[in-house]
Amino acid sequence: MRIKIDRENDSLYFRLDENTIVDSEEIRPGVILDFDENDSVVGIEFLKISTRATKEELSNLQFQTS
């Protein structure tokens, strides 16, 4: 899994695996899902991330597993 913060485009992207993206769908304003050939989600993009989180929050991402 990869996480990319793109400050120039004001977006946050979670790439779940490296399968080829064949389709994308904006499921809510500013939330885009990327799909592979099997209709599995392989990426999630959040647009206008600066309106959703502060710079401090983005620079200190925390991961929780259970």
PDB file of N, CA and C in Angstrom:
ATOM      1  N   MET A   1       0.846  -1.169   0.000  1.00  0.00           N
ATOM      2  CA  MET A   1       0.000   0.000   0.000  1.00  0.00           C
ATOM      3  C   MET A   1       0.894   1.236   0.000  1.00  0.00           C
ATOM      4  N   ARG A   2       0.479   2.226  -0.770  1.00  0.00           N
ATOM      5  CA  ARG A   2       1.201   3.491  -0.813  1.00  0.00           C
ATOM      6  C   ARG A   2       0.226   4.628  -0.507  1.00  0.00           C
ATOM      7  N   ILE A   3       0.730   5.659   0.137  1.00  0.00           N
ATOM      8  CA  ILE A   3      -0.055   6.857   0.405  1.00  0.00           C
ATOM      9  C   ILE A   3       0.716   8.028  -0.169  1.00  0.00           C
ATOM     10  N   LYS A   4       0.020   8.858  -0.944  1.00  0.00           N
ATOM     11  CA  LYS A   4       0.668  10.010  -1.558  1.00  0.00           C
ATOM     12  C   LYS A   4      -0.136  11.264  -1.258  1.00  0.00           C
ATOM     13  N   ILE A   5       0.548  12.274  -0.738  1.00  0.00           N
ATOM     14  CA  ILE A   5      -0.051  13.589  -0.568  1.00  0.00           C
ATOM     15  C   ILE A   5       0.492  14.458  -1.684  1.00  0.00           C
ATOM     16  N   ASP A   6      -0.398  14.980  -2.496  1.00  0.00           N
ATOM     17  CA  ASP A   6      -0.021  15.835  -3.618  1.00  0.00           C
ATOM     18  C   ASP A   6      -0.448  17.255  -3.284  1.00  0.00           C
ATOM     19  N   ARG A   7       0.491  18.033  -2.775  1.00  0.00           N
ATOM     20  CA  ARG A   7       0.170  19.401  -2.342  1.00  0.00           C
ATOM     21  C   ARG A   7      -0.208  20.290  -3.531  1.00  0.00           C
ATOM     22  N   GLU A   8       0.406  20.070  -4.674  1.00  0.00           N
ATOM     23  CA  GLU A   8       0.116  20.881  -5.861  1.00  0.00           C
ATOM     24  C   GLU A   8      -1.335  20.707  -6.300  1.00  0.00           C
ATOM     25  N   ASN A   9      -1.832  19.467  -6.253  1.00  0.00           N
ATOM     26  CA  ASN A   9      -3.213  19.189  -6.656  1.00  0.00           C
ATOM     27  C   ASN A   9      -4.171  19.106  -5.476  1.00  0.00           C
ATOM     28  N   ASP A  10      -3.646  19.331  -4.265  1.00  0.00           N
ATOM     29  CA  ASP A  10      -4.444  19.334  -3.038  1.00  0.00           C
ATOM     30  C   ASP A  10      -5.232  18.033  -2.896  1.00  0.00           C
ATOM     31  N   SER A  11      -4.502  16.914  -2.978  1.00  0.00           N
ATOM     32  CA  SER A  11      -5.166  15.613  -2.917  1.00  0.00           C
ATOM     33  C   SER A  11      -4.376  14.631  -2.055  1.00  0.00           C
ATOM     34  N   LEU A  12      -5.097  13.618  -1.601  1.00  0.00           N
ATOM     35  CA  LEU A  12      -4.516  12.513  -0.836  1.00  0.00           C
ATOM     36  C   LEU A  12      -4.934  11.230  -1.531  1.00  0.00           C
ATOM     37  N   TYR A  13      -3.962  10.358  -1.825  1.00  0.00           N
ATOM     38  CA  TYR A  13      -4.247   9.151  -2.587  1.00  0.00           C
ATOM     39  C   TYR A  13      -3.745   7.921  -1.850  1.00  0.00           C
ATOM     40  N   PHE A  14      -4.622   6.940  -1.696  1.00  0.00           N
ATOM     41  CA  PHE A  14      -4.277   5.640  -1.127  1.00  0.00           C
ATOM     42  C   PHE A  14      -4.267   4.636  -2.266  1.00  0.00           C
ATOM     43  N   ARG A  15      -3.115   4.040  -2.535  1.00  0.00           N
ATOM     44  CA  ARG A  15      -3.013   3.003  -3.568  1.00  0.00           C
ATOM     45  C   ARG A  15      -2.937   1.664  -2.850  1.00  0.00           C
ATOM     46  N   LEU A  16      -3.945   0.835  -3.039  1.00  0.00           N
ATOM     47  CA  LEU A  16      -4.056  -0.422  -2.301  1.00  0.00           C
ATOM     48  C   LEU A  16      -3.220  -1.536  -2.902  1.00  0.00           C
ATOM     49  N   ASP A  17      -3.124  -1.589  -4.228  1.00  0.00           N
ATOM     50  CA  ASP A  17      -2.234  -2.556  -4.881  1.00  0.00           C
ATOM     51  C   ASP A  17      -1.844  -2.002  -6.241  1.00  0.00           C
ATOM     52  N   GLU A  18      -1.020  -2.750  -6.964  1.00  0.00           N
ATOM     53  CA  GLU A  18      -0.456  -2.255  -8.214  1.00  0.00           C
ATOM     54  C   GLU A  18      -1.179  -2.747  -9.468  1.00  0.00           C
ATOM     55  N   ASN A  19      -2.378  -3.302  -9.314  1.00  0.00           N
ATOM     56  CA  ASN A  19      -3.148  -3.704 -10.493  1.00  0.00           C
ATOM     57  C   ASN A  19      -3.433  -2.488 -11.368  1.00  0.00           C
ATOM     58  N   THR A  20      -3.567  -2.715 -12.653  1.00  0.00           N
ATOM     59  CA  THR A  20      -3.830  -1.639 -13.600  1.00  0.00           C
ATOM     60  C   THR A  20      -5.217  -1.045 -13.366  1.00  0.00           C
ATOM     61  N   ILE A  21      -5.277   0.272 -13.346  1.00  0.00           N
ATOM     62  CA  ILE A  21      -6.555   0.972 -13.199  1.00  0.00           C
ATOM     63  C   ILE A  21      -7.247   1.007 -14.552  1.00  0.00           C
ATOM     64  N   VAL A  22      -8.477   0.508 -14.597  1.00  0.00           N
ATOM     65  CA  VAL A  22      -9.237   0.511 -15.857  1.00  0.00           C
ATOM     66  C   VAL A  22     -10.453   1.427 -15.803  1.00  0.00           C
ATOM     67  N   ASP A  23     -10.844   1.864 -14.601  1.00  0.00           N
ATOM     68  CA  ASP A  23     -12.007   2.737 -14.480  1.00  0.00           C
ATOM     69  C   ASP A  23     -11.912   3.516 -13.179  1.00  0.00           C
ATOM     70  N   SER A  24     -12.488   4.697 -13.168  1.00  0.00           N
ATOM     71  CA  SER A  24     -12.552   5.532 -11.973  1.00  0.00           C
ATOM     72  C   SER A  24     -13.957   6.085 -11.851  1.00  0.00           C
ATOM     73  N   GLU A  25     -14.383   6.270 -10.608  1.00  0.00           N
ATOM     74  CA  GLU A  25     -15.725   6.794 -10.377  1.00  0.00           C
ATOM     75  C   GLU A  25     -15.704   7.733  -9.170  1.00  0.00           C
ATOM     76  N   GLU A  26     -16.262   8.922  -9.356  1.00  0.00           N
ATOM     77  CA  GLU A  26     -16.403   9.856  -8.239  1.00  0.00           C
ATOM     78  C   GLU A  26     -17.687   9.487  -7.510  1.00  0.00           C
ATOM     79  N   ILE A  27     -17.525   8.866  -6.347  1.00  0.00           N
ATOM     80  CA  ILE A  27     -18.685   8.343  -5.625  1.00  0.00           C
ATOM     81  C   ILE A  27     -19.366   9.393  -4.756  1.00  0.00           C
ATOM     82  N   ARG A  28     -18.636  10.418  -4.393  1.00  0.00           N
ATOM     83  CA  ARG A  28     -19.128  11.584  -3.662  1.00  0.00           C
ATOM     84  C   ARG A  28     -18.286  12.753  -4.158  1.00  0.00           C
ATOM     85  N   PRO A  29     -18.757  13.975  -3.987  1.00  0.00           N
ATOM     86  CA  PRO A  29     -17.916  15.101  -4.416  1.00  0.00           C
ATOM     87  C   PRO A  29     -16.539  15.039  -3.749  1.00  0.00           C
ATOM     88  N   GLY A  30     -15.510  14.960  -4.565  1.00  0.00           N
ATOM     89  CA  GLY A  30     -14.143  14.942  -4.064  1.00  0.00           C
ATOM     90  C   GLY A  30     -13.624  13.604  -3.585  1.00  0.00           C
ATOM     91  N   VAL A  31     -14.369  12.510  -3.814  1.00  0.00           N
ATOM     92  CA  VAL A  31     -13.921  11.167  -3.422  1.00  0.00           C
ATOM     93  C   VAL A  31     -13.999  10.274  -4.663  1.00  0.00           C
ATOM     94  N   ILE A  32     -12.844   9.805  -5.112  1.00  0.00           N
ATOM     95  CA  ILE A  32     -12.758   9.034  -6.351  1.00  0.00           C
ATOM     96  C   ILE A  32     -12.202   7.646  -6.064  1.00  0.00           C
ATOM     97  N   LEU A  33     -12.890   6.637  -6.568  1.00  0.00           N
ATOM     98  CA  LEU A  33     -12.412   5.262  -6.464  1.00  0.00           C
ATOM     99  C   LEU A  33     -11.838   4.827  -7.802  1.00  0.00           C
ATOM    100  N   ASP A  34     -10.704   4.140  -7.771  1.00  0.00           N
ATOM    101  CA  ASP A  34     -10.095   3.544  -8.966  1.00  0.00           C
ATOM    102  C   ASP A  34     -10.313   2.039  -8.914  1.00  0.00           C
ATOM    103  N   PHE A  35     -10.705   1.464 -10.049  1.00  0.00           N
ATOM    104  CA  PHE A  35     -11.027   0.040 -10.138  1.00  0.00           C
ATOM    105  C   PHE A  35     -10.095  -0.672 -11.114  1.00  0.00           C
ATOM    106  N   ASP A  36      -9.833  -1.951 -10.842  1.00  0.00           N
ATOM    107  CA  ASP A  36      -9.073  -2.774 -11.782  1.00  0.00           C
ATOM    108  C   ASP A  36     -10.037  -3.530 -12.692  1.00  0.00           C
ATOM    109  N   GLU A  37      -9.523  -4.439 -13.493  1.00  0.00           N
ATOM    110  CA  GLU A  37     -10.348  -5.169 -14.469  1.00  0.00           C
ATOM    111  C   GLU A  37     -11.371  -6.093 -13.815  1.00  0.00           C
ATOM    112  N   ASN A  38     -11.174  -6.421 -12.533  1.00  0.00           N
ATOM    113  CA  ASN A  38     -12.117  -7.286 -11.808  1.00  0.00           C
ATOM    114  C   ASN A  38     -13.117  -6.482 -10.979  1.00  0.00           C
ATOM    115  N   ASP A  39     -13.174  -5.182 -11.205  1.00  0.00           N
ATOM    116  CA  ASP A  39     -14.034  -4.269 -10.445  1.00  0.00           C
ATOM    117  C   ASP A  39     -13.644  -4.164  -8.975  1.00  0.00           C
ATOM    118  N   SER A  40     -12.418  -4.504  -8.651  1.00  0.00           N
ATOM    119  CA  SER A  40     -11.922  -4.337  -7.287  1.00  0.00           C
ATOM    120  C   SER A  40     -11.339  -2.934  -7.138  1.00  0.00           C
ATOM    121  N   VAL A  41     -11.538  -2.324  -5.986  1.00  0.00           N
ATOM    122  CA  VAL A  41     -10.981  -1.003  -5.725  1.00  0.00           C
ATOM    123  C   VAL A  41      -9.477  -1.144  -5.506  1.00  0.00           C
ATOM    124  N   VAL A  42      -8.705  -0.388  -6.265  1.00  0.00           N
ATOM    125  CA  VAL A  42      -7.248  -0.414  -6.122  1.00  0.00           C
ATOM    126  C   VAL A  42      -6.690   0.923  -5.662  1.00  0.00           C
ATOM    127  N   GLY A  43      -7.541   1.953  -5.640  1.00  0.00           N
ATOM    128  CA  GLY A  43      -7.093   3.263  -5.182  1.00  0.00           C
ATOM    129  C   GLY A  43      -8.257   4.129  -4.753  1.00  0.00           C
ATOM    130  N   ILE A  44      -7.967   5.020  -3.818  1.00  0.00           N
ATOM    131  CA  ILE A  44      -8.962   5.967  -3.321  1.00  0.00           C
ATOM    132  C   ILE A  44      -8.298   7.337  -3.276  1.00  0.00           C
ATOM    133  N   GLU A  45      -8.934   8.320  -3.903  1.00  0.00           N
ATOM    134  CA  GLU A  45      -8.384   9.674  -3.922  1.00  0.00           C
ATOM    135  C   GLU A  45      -9.364  10.645  -3.268  1.00  0.00           C
ATOM    136  N   PHE A  46      -8.813  11.511  -2.426  1.00  0.00           N
ATOM    137  CA  PHE A  46      -9.586  12.562  -1.788  1.00  0.00           C
ATOM    138  C   PHE A  46      -9.081  13.895  -2.323  1.00  0.00           C
ATOM    139  N   LEU A  47      -9.974  14.683  -2.920  1.00  0.00           N
ATOM    140  CA  LEU A  47      -9.619  15.983  -3.458  1.00  0.00           C
ATOM    141  C   LEU A  47      -9.879  17.070  -2.418  1.00  0.00           C
ATOM    142  N   LYS A  48      -9.241  18.225  -2.619  1.00  0.00           N
ATOM    143  CA  LYS A  48      -9.377  19.372  -1.699  1.00  0.00           C
ATOM    144  C   LYS A  48      -9.080  18.957  -0.265  1.00  0.00           C
ATOM    145  N   ILE A  49      -7.994  18.213  -0.113  1.00  0.00           N
ATOM    146  CA  ILE A  49      -7.647  17.668   1.200  1.00  0.00           C
ATOM    147  C   ILE A  49      -7.344  18.765   2.222  1.00  0.00           C
ATOM    148  N   SER A  50      -6.924  19.933   1.766  1.00  0.00           N
ATOM    149  CA  SER A  50      -6.619  21.021   2.706  1.00  0.00           C
ATOM    150  C   SER A  50      -7.870  21.516   3.423  1.00  0.00           C
ATOM    151  N   THR A  51      -9.056  21.228   2.887  1.00  0.00           N
ATOM    152  CA  THR A  51     -10.296  21.601   3.559  1.00  0.00           C
ATOM    153  C   THR A  51     -10.745  20.507   4.531  1.00  0.00           C
ATOM    154  N   ARG A  52     -10.075  19.364   4.500  1.00  0.00           N
ATOM    155  CA  ARG A  52     -10.463  18.226   5.332  1.00  0.00           C
ATOM    156  C   ARG A  52      -9.499  17.964   6.483  1.00  0.00           C
ATOM    157  N   ALA A  53      -8.255  18.423   6.330  1.00  0.00           N
ATOM    158  CA  ALA A  53      -7.238  18.166   7.361  1.00  0.00           C
ATOM    159  C   ALA A  53      -6.217  19.296   7.353  1.00  0.00           C
ATOM    160  N   THR A  54      -5.620  19.534   8.518  1.00  0.00           N
ATOM    161  CA  THR A  54      -4.583  20.560   8.620  1.00  0.00           C
ATOM    162  C   THR A  54      -3.256  20.006   8.097  1.00  0.00           C
ATOM    163  N   LYS A  55      -2.303  20.879   7.854  1.00  0.00           N
ATOM    164  CA  LYS A  55      -0.969  20.444   7.424  1.00  0.00           C
ATOM    165  C   LYS A  55      -0.325  19.560   8.487  1.00  0.00           C
ATOM    166  N   GLU A  56      -0.554  19.898   9.747  1.00  0.00           N
ATOM    167  CA  GLU A  56       0.007  19.105  10.838  1.00  0.00           C
ATOM    168  C   GLU A  56      -0.571  17.691  10.839  1.00  0.00           C
ATOM    169  N   GLU A  57      -1.871  17.570  10.631  1.00  0.00           N
ATOM    170  CA  GLU A  57      -2.495  16.250  10.582  1.00  0.00           C
ATOM    171  C   GLU A  57      -1.959  15.429   9.409  1.00  0.00           C
ATOM    172  N   LEU A  58      -1.767  16.083   8.277  1.00  0.00           N
ATOM    173  CA  LEU A  58      -1.262  15.371   7.103  1.00  0.00           C
ATOM    174  C   LEU A  58       0.204  14.976   7.250  1.00  0.00           C
ATOM    175  N   SER A  59       0.964  15.755   8.001  1.00  0.00           N
ATOM    176  CA  SER A  59       2.377  15.406   8.176  1.00  0.00           C
ATOM    177  C   SER A  59       2.591  14.386   9.281  1.00  0.00           C
ATOM    178  N   ASN A  60       1.527  14.075  10.034  1.00  0.00           N
ATOM    179  CA  ASN A  60       1.619  13.121  11.130  1.00  0.00           C
ATOM    180  C   ASN A  60       0.550  12.047  10.997  1.00  0.00           C
ATOM    181  N   LEU A  61       0.515  11.380   9.847  1.00  0.00           N
ATOM    182  CA  LEU A  61      -0.471  10.322   9.637  1.00  0.00           C
ATOM    183  C   LEU A  61      -0.180   9.164  10.582  1.00  0.00           C
ATOM    184  N   GLN A  62      -1.233   8.641  11.179  1.00  0.00           N
ATOM    185  CA  GLN A  62      -1.099   7.515  12.101  1.00  0.00           C
ATOM    186  C   GLN A  62      -1.853   6.319  11.544  1.00  0.00           C
ATOM    187  N   PHE A  63      -1.273   5.150  11.758  1.00  0.00           N
ATOM    188  CA  PHE A  63      -1.889   3.910  11.285  1.00  0.00           C
ATOM    189  C   PHE A  63      -2.270   3.072  12.484  1.00  0.00           C
ATOM    190  N   GLN A  64      -3.439   2.499  12.389  1.00  0.00           N
ATOM    191  CA  GLN A  64      -3.925   1.662  13.479  1.00  0.00           C
ATOM    192  C   GLN A  64      -4.276   0.290  12.916  1.00  0.00           C
ATOM    193  N   THR A  65      -3.788  -0.739  13.541  1.00  0.00           N
ATOM    194  CA  THR A  65      -4.136  -2.095  13.147  1.00  0.00           C
ATOM    195  C   THR A  65      -4.745  -2.799  14.344  1.00  0.00           C
ATOM    196  N   SER A  66      -5.585  -3.762  14.063  1.00  0.00           N
ATOM    197  CA  SER A  66      -6.188  -4.504  15.176  1.00  0.00           C
ATOM    198  C   SER A  66      -6.199  -5.982  14.867  1.00  0.00           C
TER     199      SER A  66
END
